Amino acid sequence: MKGTKLDRQINSVVRNGNCTGCGACCLLDAGLKMELNPNGYYRPARVAPPKTGVYEAKFDRICPGVEVRAQHPNGALRHPLLGSSFGNWQAWATNDAIRIQGSSGGIITAIVSWLLQSNQITEVVAANKDPSEPRRSVPVTLKTSREAFDAAGSRYAPVSNAVKTVLGKPGAAFIGKPCEVAAVRGLAHETGKMAPLLISFFCAGTPSQRATDSLVGKLSGSGPVADLWYRGRGWPGEFTVIGIDGTRATESYDQSWGKELGPTVQWRCKICPDSVGESADIVAADYWETDEHGYPSFNEREGVSALIARTPRGLDVVNRAFVAQAVTGAPLDLDDLAAVQPLQTQRRQTILARTAGALLAGRRAPRFIGFGFWRILRGRPRQLLGIVRGSRRRASGKQTDV
């Protein structure tokens, strides 16, 4: 990527493997577009001459590949591993159809559907399948509770929701990965415009699009696909492909994520400081039950979400959603949530070792500010040294996802 100062800044982020694919840079310059690269991840591409020259100085404070700041709202309690909060619950949608359709308890869909139905918001940016190619995920704008229901469920594939961000509209909401939410909050701060209601989720990372294509090919061949969902329709639900002839092929969540999709998560996600969505107003997560070894159990059951209000704005919405009976549940201790989210807690406990490995490999790492990672650094030195070495090998190896 050549040309403007912004192009050079973006190129540095991409070259160092720090691009999350969020799409926020496209809001700084309309001559940029997010495109799938050969490795199956969205990256910015110059498709037209620069449309603006005023945002270069803001890029470093917006791009989550350059800097991510932990949020410390006044009055919030702070958990060392899971961040700031004003309230925490185990919760689920009171509407049974939404609870079944959603990835866990349907909590995000329930809240958004209620807000739309009661005209408290008028539009929601989210992700859904591409109607013309269900293998692909695309950003969409939801305007009705029916559209929210149809978009329920996780999409374990690249998508750049930030490209559709609406700032300054009282009736807007945004559902996105933590990196996208961090970028939107940063953009709102830098432009002085009101951010939409920001909703996120605990994120395990963005797999390559090639992983979805490969899994579909393994299950149902290379023919056209009528529908595809990654999970939901139960908890955790199954990866499901529907052919145009009505044939149905499935693979368990444990197998599809653990063996097929998860191993292709892009490098930047492995050093993510905020996969628990600290920049959001409201965050949801799976509140797994565990087996006798403390590992999450993926046996099918009724879905239960963990729900965290990160800001006073989020707390107000959640409290009113409970009063309106859009959701139901009970208070949750964040220590209990941390215990059933080993991926998230281990990532935050070892992130300094991972970033050290990247630096030793010659890559520039993003700046992580205010997370207190030195205080939560845990583990035996030999274990951390092994992580440093492994991260260095991956960051400097032939395999790249930039």
Protein backbone atom coordinates (compact mmCIF):
# COMPACT_ATOMS: atom_id res chain seq x y z
CA MET A 1 0.00 0.00 0.00
CA LYS A 2 1.54 3.32 -1.08
CA GLY A 3 0.42 6.90 -1.20
CA THR A 4 -0.77 9.02 1.71
CA LYS A 5 0.52 9.12 5.25
CA LEU A 6 -2.60 7.18 6.24
CA ASP A 7 -1.71 4.50 3.69
CA ARG A 8 1.74 4.19 5.21
CA GLN A 9 0.31 3.99 8.73
CA ILE A 10 -2.11 1.25 7.68
CA ASN A 11 0.61 -0.61 5.82
CA SER A 12 2.74 -0.70 8.97
CA VAL A 13 -0.13 -2.20 10.98
CA VAL A 14 -0.83 -4.84 8.33
CA ARG A 15 2.85 -5.69 7.76
CA ASN A 16 3.38 -6.30 11.48
CA GLY A 17 0.39 -8.64 11.66
CA ASN A 18 -1.57 -6.26 13.91
CA CYS A 19 -4.60 -5.61 11.71
CA THR A 20 -7.84 -6.95 13.21
CA GLY A 21 -9.86 -6.38 10.04
CA CYS A 22 -12.31 -4.12 11.89
CA GLY A 23 -12.74 -1.67 9.00
CA ALA A 24 -12.52 1.56 11.00
CA CYS A 25 -9.82 2.97 8.72
CA CYS A 26 -12.35 2.98 5.87
CA LEU A 27 -14.29 5.60 7.83
CA LEU A 28 -11.22 7.84 7.80
CA ASP A 29 -10.82 7.61 4.03
CA ALA A 30 -13.61 6.58 1.67
CA GLY A 31 -11.01 5.56 -0.89
CA LEU A 32 -10.26 2.48 1.22
CA LYS A 33 -12.20 -0.77 1.14
CA MET A 34 -11.96 -3.97 3.17
CA GLU A 35 -11.11 -6.96 0.98
CA LEU A 36 -10.36 -10.61 1.73
CA ASN A 37 -6.68 -11.32 1.29
CA PRO A 38 -5.34 -14.66 -0.01
CA ASN A 39 -5.13 -16.02 3.54
CA GLY A 40 -8.82 -15.38 4.15
CA TYR A 41 -8.77 -12.26 6.36
CA TYR A 42 -10.17 -8.80 5.69
CA ARG A 43 -7.53 -6.14 5.15
CA PRO A 44 -7.84 -2.52 3.90
CA ALA A 45 -7.09 -1.91 0.25
CA ARG A 46 -6.77 1.33 -1.69
CA VAL A 47 -9.52 1.23 -4.35
CA ALA A 48 -9.88 4.95 -5.09
CA PRO A 49 -7.90 8.16 -4.61
CA PRO A 50 -7.83 9.51 -1.05
CA LYS A 51 -11.10 11.15 -0.07
CA THR A 52 -9.85 13.07 2.95
CA GLY A 53 -6.60 14.18 4.48
CA VAL A 54 -7.66 15.31 7.92
CA TYR A 55 -7.74 12.10 9.94
CA GLU A 56 -4.18 10.81 9.72
CA ALA A 57 -3.33 12.15 13.17
CA LYS A 58 -6.35 10.37 14.62
CA PHE A 59 -5.52 6.97 13.11
CA ASP A 60 -3.06 5.97 15.84
CA ARG A 61 -5.69 6.63 18.51
CA ILE A 62 -8.47 4.77 16.68
CA CYS A 63 -6.86 1.71 15.11
CA PRO A 64 -6.84 -1.27 17.53
CA GLY A 65 -3.77 -2.51 15.66
CA VAL A 66 -1.87 0.48 17.06
CA GLU A 67 -3.37 1.13 20.47
CA VAL A 68 -6.08 -0.21 22.78
CA ARG A 69 -7.01 1.49 26.04
CA ALA A 70 -8.83 -0.15 28.91
CA GLN A 71 -11.91 1.73 30.04
CA HIS A 72 -12.10 2.79 33.70
CA PRO A 73 -15.50 4.51 34.15
CA ASN A 74 -15.98 6.37 37.40
CA GLY A 75 -17.78 4.20 39.93
CA ALA A 76 -17.11 0.90 38.20
CA LEU A 77 -15.77 -2.16 39.98
CA ARG A 78 -12.76 -3.69 38.29
CA HIS A 79 -12.06 -7.40 38.04
CA PRO A 80 -8.36 -8.13 37.41
CA LEU A 81 -9.10 -10.53 34.54
CA LEU A 82 -12.49 -9.45 33.19
CA GLY A 83 -12.34 -5.66 33.43
CA SER A 84 -14.68 -2.94 34.67
CA SER A 85 -18.37 -3.43 35.39
CA PHE A 86 -21.42 -1.87 37.00
CA GLY A 87 -23.39 -5.12 37.17
CA ASN A 88 -23.09 -8.80 36.23
CA TRP A 89 -25.72 -11.47 35.71
CA GLN A 90 -26.29 -14.95 34.42
CA ALA A 91 -29.20 -14.32 32.11
CA TRP A 92 -31.22 -15.47 29.13
CA ALA A 93 -34.01 -14.31 26.85
CA THR A 94 -37.50 -14.74 28.26
CA ASN A 95 -38.70 -15.45 24.72
CA ASP A 96 -38.02 -19.16 24.21
CA ALA A 97 -37.58 -18.81 20.45
CA ILE A 98 -34.88 -16.16 20.90
CA ARG A 99 -33.18 -18.22 23.62
CA ILE A 100 -32.97 -21.22 21.32
CA GLN A 101 -31.94 -19.24 18.24
CA GLY A 102 -29.10 -17.36 19.92
CA SER A 103 -25.59 -18.66 20.46
CA SER A 104 -26.08 -19.07 24.21
CA GLY A 105 -29.00 -17.50 26.08
CA GLY A 106 -29.95 -15.17 23.22
CA ILE A 107 -29.25 -12.21 25.47
CA ILE A 108 -27.97 -9.76 22.83
CA THR A 109 -30.81 -10.58 20.45
CA ALA A 110 -33.36 -10.21 23.26
CA ILE A 111 -32.08 -6.78 24.32
CA VAL A 112 -31.78 -5.46 20.76
CA SER A 113 -35.20 -6.82 19.76
CA TRP A 114 -36.80 -5.14 22.77
CA LEU A 115 -35.05 -1.83 22.05
CA LEU A 116 -36.19 -1.90 18.42
CA GLN A 117 -39.72 -3.02 19.20
CA SER A 118 -40.14 -0.29 21.82
CA ASN A 119 -38.67 2.34 19.45
CA GLN A 120 -35.83 3.18 21.83
CA ILE A 121 -33.45 2.62 18.94
CA THR A 122 -34.09 2.75 15.21
CA GLU A 123 -31.11 0.90 13.73
CA VAL A 124 -28.47 -1.61 14.76
CA VAL A 125 -25.25 -2.43 12.96
CA ALA A 126 -24.54 -6.17 13.25
CA ALA A 127 -23.22 -9.12 11.25
CA ASN A 128 -25.21 -11.69 9.32
CA LYS A 129 -24.75 -14.14 6.47
CA ASP A 130 -24.46 -12.74 2.97
CA PRO A 131 -27.89 -13.49 1.39
CA SER A 132 -26.24 -14.38 -1.92
CA GLU A 133 -23.49 -16.54 -0.37
CA PRO A 134 -24.18 -17.89 3.14
CA ARG A 135 -20.54 -18.95 3.50
CA ARG A 136 -19.68 -15.26 3.84
CA SER A 137 -20.46 -12.86 6.68
CA VAL A 138 -21.34 -9.23 6.01
CA PRO A 139 -22.17 -6.15 8.10
CA VAL A 140 -25.88 -5.34 8.06
CA THR A 141 -28.22 -2.72 9.47
CA LEU A 142 -31.15 -4.12 11.45
CA LYS A 143 -34.29 -2.03 11.80
CA THR A 144 -36.89 -4.49 13.11
CA SER A 145 -37.04 -7.14 15.82
CA ARG A 146 -37.63 -9.73 13.10
CA GLU A 147 -34.37 -8.76 11.41
CA ALA A 148 -32.63 -8.99 14.77
CA PHE A 149 -34.00 -12.51 15.27
CA ASP A 150 -32.86 -13.57 11.80
CA ALA A 151 -29.34 -12.31 12.55
CA ALA A 152 -29.06 -14.14 15.89
CA GLY A 153 -26.06 -16.35 16.44
CA SER A 154 -22.28 -16.07 16.19
CA ARG A 155 -20.45 -15.79 12.87
CA TYR A 156 -17.03 -17.40 13.18
CA ALA A 157 -15.60 -15.81 10.07
CA PRO A 158 -14.13 -12.46 9.00
CA VAL A 159 -16.44 -9.45 8.85
CA SER A 160 -15.72 -5.72 9.15
CA ASN A 161 -18.65 -4.23 11.03
CA ALA A 162 -17.00 -0.88 11.74
CA VAL A 163 -17.40 0.17 8.10
CA LYS A 164 -21.12 0.72 8.80
CA THR A 165 -20.70 2.66 12.04
CA VAL A 166 -23.16 5.50 12.62
CA LEU A 167 -21.98 8.24 14.98
CA GLY A 168 -24.05 11.05 16.45
CA LYS A 169 -27.46 9.33 16.15
CA PRO A 170 -29.34 8.89 19.45
CA GLY A 171 -31.27 5.94 18.02
CA ALA A 172 -28.31 3.84 16.89
CA ALA A 173 -26.68 0.74 18.34
CA PHE A 174 -23.62 -1.24 17.27
CA ILE A 175 -22.91 -4.93 17.81
CA GLY A 176 -19.37 -5.95 17.06
CA LYS A 177 -16.24 -7.77 18.09
CA PRO A 178 -14.31 -6.11 20.92
CA CYS A 179 -11.75 -4.66 18.50
CA GLU A 180 -14.51 -3.11 16.40
CA VAL A 181 -16.17 -1.65 19.48
CA ALA A 182 -12.85 -0.22 20.69
CA ALA A 183 -12.35 1.42 17.30
CA VAL A 184 -15.85 2.90 17.28
CA ARG A 185 -15.47 4.28 20.79
CA GLY A 186 -12.11 5.76 19.82
CA LEU A 187 -13.57 7.27 16.67
CA ALA A 188 -16.42 8.85 18.63
CA HIS A 189 -13.96 10.30 21.13
CA GLU A 190 -11.69 11.73 18.44
CA THR A 191 -14.52 13.25 16.39
CA GLY A 192 -16.55 14.51 19.33
CA LYS A 193 -19.66 12.68 18.10
CA MET A 194 -21.88 10.52 20.27
CA ALA A 195 -21.13 6.82 20.02
CA PRO A 196 -23.98 4.40 19.37
CA LEU A 197 -24.97 2.01 22.14
CA LEU A 198 -22.00 -0.37 22.03
CA ILE A 199 -22.67 -4.08 22.47
CA SER A 200 -20.03 -6.79 22.31
CA PHE A 201 -19.21 -10.33 23.45
CA PHE A 202 -16.33 -12.44 24.67
CA CYS A 203 -14.39 -13.14 21.48
CA ALA A 204 -12.09 -16.08 20.83
CA GLY A 205 -10.74 -14.50 17.65
CA THR A 206 -11.37 -14.29 13.91
CA PRO A 207 -10.77 -17.50 11.93
CA SER A 208 -9.84 -17.46 8.28
CA GLN A 209 -12.62 -17.51 5.72
CA ARG A 210 -10.76 -20.42 4.19
CA ALA A 211 -11.57 -22.49 7.30
CA THR A 212 -15.32 -22.04 6.75
CA ASP A 213 -14.96 -22.90 3.07
CA SER A 214 -12.91 -25.97 3.91
CA LEU A 215 -15.37 -27.18 6.53
CA VAL A 216 -18.33 -26.69 4.19
CA GLY A 217 -16.48 -28.59 1.48
CA LYS A 218 -15.75 -31.46 3.86
CA LEU A 219 -19.36 -31.71 5.02
CA SER A 220 -21.33 -31.07 1.84
CA GLY A 221 -18.99 -30.64 -1.10
CA SER A 222 -18.39 -27.58 -3.23
CA GLY A 223 -21.95 -27.04 -4.43
CA PRO A 224 -24.16 -24.02 -3.69
CA VAL A 225 -25.27 -23.43 -0.10
CA ALA A 226 -28.79 -22.34 0.84
CA ASP A 227 -28.02 -21.59 4.50
CA LEU A 228 -25.22 -21.85 7.03
CA TRP A 229 -24.91 -21.17 10.73
CA TYR A 230 -22.01 -21.76 13.08
CA ARG A 231 -23.95 -22.55 16.25
CA GLY A 232 -27.21 -21.66 17.98
CA ARG A 233 -30.54 -23.43 17.49
CA GLY A 234 -29.59 -24.93 20.85
CA TRP A 235 -26.63 -24.42 23.19
CA PRO A 236 -23.99 -24.51 22.03
CA GLY A 237 -25.56 -25.79 18.81
CA GLU A 238 -23.84 -27.27 15.78
CA PHE A 239 -22.13 -25.97 12.68
CA THR A 240 -24.83 -26.57 10.07
CA VAL A 241 -24.88 -26.39 6.28
CA ILE A 242 -28.10 -26.58 4.26
CA GLY A 243 -27.74 -27.39 0.57
CA ILE A 244 -30.05 -25.91 -2.07
CA ASP A 245 -31.62 -29.35 -2.37
CA GLY A 246 -32.50 -29.27 1.34
CA THR A 247 -29.78 -31.67 2.47
CA ARG A 248 -28.39 -30.94 5.92
CA ALA A 249 -24.86 -31.60 7.21
CA THR A 250 -23.63 -30.83 10.71
CA GLU A 251 -20.56 -30.91 12.91
CA SER A 252 -20.45 -30.41 16.68
CA TYR A 253 -19.37 -27.08 18.15
CA ASP A 254 -16.45 -28.77 19.90
CA GLN A 255 -15.21 -30.25 16.62
CA SER A 256 -16.01 -27.37 14.27
CA TRP A 257 -14.51 -24.67 16.47
CA GLY A 258 -11.84 -26.70 18.24
CA LYS A 259 -10.46 -28.60 15.25
CA GLU A 260 -11.42 -26.64 12.14
CA LEU A 261 -12.06 -22.94 12.76
CA GLY A 262 -10.21 -22.04 15.96
CA PRO A 263 -6.74 -23.12 14.79
CA THR A 264 -6.90 -20.57 11.95
CA VAL A 265 -7.50 -17.52 14.18
CA GLN A 266 -5.42 -14.60 12.92
CA TRP A 267 -2.23 -13.59 14.73
CA ARG A 268 -3.52 -10.27 16.10
CA CYS A 269 -6.27 -12.10 18.00
CA LYS A 270 -3.69 -14.18 19.84
CA ILE A 271 -2.29 -11.03 21.42
CA CYS A 272 -5.65 -9.31 21.92
CA PRO A 273 -5.75 -7.32 25.18
CA ASP A 274 -9.51 -6.84 25.11
CA SER A 275 -11.20 -10.01 23.95
CA VAL A 276 -13.69 -9.52 26.82
CA GLY A 277 -15.07 -6.29 25.35
CA GLU A 278 -13.99 -3.66 27.87
CA SER A 279 -14.83 -0.81 25.47
CA ALA A 280 -18.50 -1.79 25.17
CA ASP A 281 -21.52 -0.62 27.14
CA ILE A 282 -22.93 -4.17 27.34
CA VAL A 283 -21.10 -7.48 26.93
CA ALA A 284 -22.39 -11.05 26.68
CA ALA A 285 -20.59 -14.38 26.98
CA ASP A 286 -21.29 -18.08 27.27
CA TYR A 287 -21.76 -19.05 30.90
CA TRP A 288 -20.67 -22.64 30.49
CA GLU A 289 -21.16 -25.48 32.90
CA THR A 290 -17.94 -27.38 33.50
CA ASP A 291 -16.89 -31.01 33.77
CA GLU A 292 -15.09 -32.58 36.73
CA HIS A 293 -11.80 -31.12 35.49
CA GLY A 294 -13.15 -27.57 35.32
CA TYR A 295 -13.26 -27.55 31.50
CA PRO A 296 -16.37 -26.13 29.78
CA SER A 297 -18.93 -28.79 28.89
CA PHE A 298 -20.47 -28.55 25.43
CA ASN A 299 -23.34 -30.94 26.05
CA GLU A 300 -26.57 -29.54 24.63
CA ARG A 301 -28.82 -27.72 27.11
CA GLU A 302 -30.85 -24.54 27.46
CA GLY A 303 -28.62 -21.55 26.82
CA VAL A 304 -27.32 -19.28 29.58
CA SER A 305 -25.41 -16.07 28.95
CA ALA A 306 -23.18 -14.06 31.18
CA LEU A 307 -24.21 -10.41 30.95
CA ILE A 308 -21.99 -7.49 31.99
CA ALA A 309 -22.90 -3.80 32.10
CA ARG A 310 -19.60 -1.99 31.51
CA THR A 311 -20.88 1.61 31.69
CA PRO A 312 -23.72 3.55 33.35
CA ARG A 313 -25.38 3.68 29.94
CA GLY A 314 -25.19 -0.08 29.65
CA LEU A 315 -26.45 -0.57 33.20
CA ASP A 316 -29.49 1.60 32.49
CA VAL A 317 -30.39 -0.44 29.40
CA VAL A 318 -29.90 -3.78 31.16
CA ASN A 319 -31.93 -2.77 34.20
CA ARG A 320 -34.80 -1.63 32.01
CA ALA A 321 -34.60 -4.84 29.95
CA PHE A 322 -35.07 -6.84 33.16
CA VAL A 323 -38.01 -4.66 34.21
CA ALA A 324 -39.59 -5.07 30.77
CA GLN A 325 -39.06 -8.85 31.09
CA ALA A 326 -37.13 -8.99 27.84
CA VAL A 327 -34.48 -10.91 29.79
CA THR A 328 -34.37 -12.76 33.07
CA GLY A 329 -31.65 -14.11 35.32
CA ALA A 330 -29.74 -13.62 38.56
CA PRO A 331 -26.61 -11.80 39.79
CA LEU A 332 -23.29 -13.35 38.81
CA ASP A 333 -19.90 -13.23 40.49
CA LEU A 334 -17.22 -12.46 37.90
CA ASP A 335 -14.86 -14.93 39.59
CA ASP A 336 -17.35 -17.65 38.64
CA LEU A 337 -17.40 -16.41 35.04
CA ALA A 338 -13.61 -16.32 34.87
CA ALA A 339 -13.53 -19.94 36.06
CA VAL A 340 -15.59 -21.15 33.06
CA GLN A 341 -13.80 -18.98 30.48
CA PRO A 342 -10.30 -20.49 30.52
CA LEU A 343 -9.39 -19.21 27.05
CA GLN A 344 -10.06 -15.61 28.03
CA THR A 345 -8.35 -15.76 31.41
CA GLN A 346 -5.29 -17.59 30.08
CA ARG A 347 -4.95 -15.14 27.21
CA ARG A 348 -4.89 -12.17 29.56
CA GLN A 349 -2.51 -13.90 31.96
CA THR A 350 0.00 -14.64 29.18
CA ILE A 351 -0.41 -11.69 26.83
CA LEU A 352 2.87 -10.07 27.85
CA ALA A 353 4.72 -13.27 26.99
CA ARG A 354 2.99 -13.44 23.62
CA THR A 355 3.78 -9.84 22.73
CA ALA A 356 7.37 -10.34 23.87
CA GLY A 357 7.64 -13.21 21.39
CA ALA A 358 6.34 -10.96 18.61
CA LEU A 359 8.86 -8.26 19.49
CA LEU A 360 11.70 -10.78 19.49
CA ALA A 361 10.57 -11.84 16.01
CA GLY A 362 10.97 -8.26 14.82
CA ARG A 363 7.31 -7.34 14.79
CA ARG A 364 5.99 -4.15 16.30
CA ALA A 365 3.30 -4.84 18.89
CA PRO A 366 0.28 -2.62 19.63
CA ARG A 367 0.23 -0.49 22.76
CA PHE A 368 -2.01 -1.87 25.52
CA ILE A 369 -2.79 0.86 28.03
CA GLY A 370 -4.49 0.59 31.40
CA PHE A 371 -5.13 -3.17 31.49
CA GLY A 372 -2.79 -3.95 34.40
CA PHE A 373 -1.25 -6.98 32.69
CA TRP A 374 1.90 -6.80 34.80
CA ARG A 375 -0.25 -7.24 37.90
CA ILE A 376 -2.06 -10.28 36.54
CA LEU A 377 1.01 -11.96 35.13
CA ARG A 378 0.87 -15.51 36.41
CA GLY A 379 2.43 -18.88 35.79
CA ARG A 380 5.82 -20.43 36.21
CA PRO A 381 8.73 -18.72 34.46
CA ARG A 382 9.43 -21.80 32.38
CA GLN A 383 5.85 -21.88 31.12
CA LEU A 384 5.96 -18.20 30.20
CA LEU A 385 9.32 -18.69 28.49
CA GLY A 386 7.74 -21.44 26.40
CA ILE A 387 4.96 -19.07 25.35
CA VAL A 388 7.53 -16.42 24.41
CA ARG A 389 9.38 -18.93 22.25
CA GLY A 390 6.20 -20.25 20.64
CA SER A 391 4.94 -16.75 19.85
CA ARG A 392 8.31 -15.81 18.41
CA ARG A 393 8.25 -18.86 16.13
CA ARG A 394 4.74 -18.12 14.92
CA ALA A 395 5.37 -14.41 14.45
CA SER A 396 8.58 -15.01 12.47
CA GLY A 397 7.58 -18.21 10.66
CA LYS A 398 6.72 -18.64 7.01
CA GLN A 399 3.03 -18.85 7.80
CA THR A 400 1.55 -15.36 7.89
CA ASP A 401 -1.95 -13.98 7.98
CA VAL A 402 -1.18 -10.37 7.11
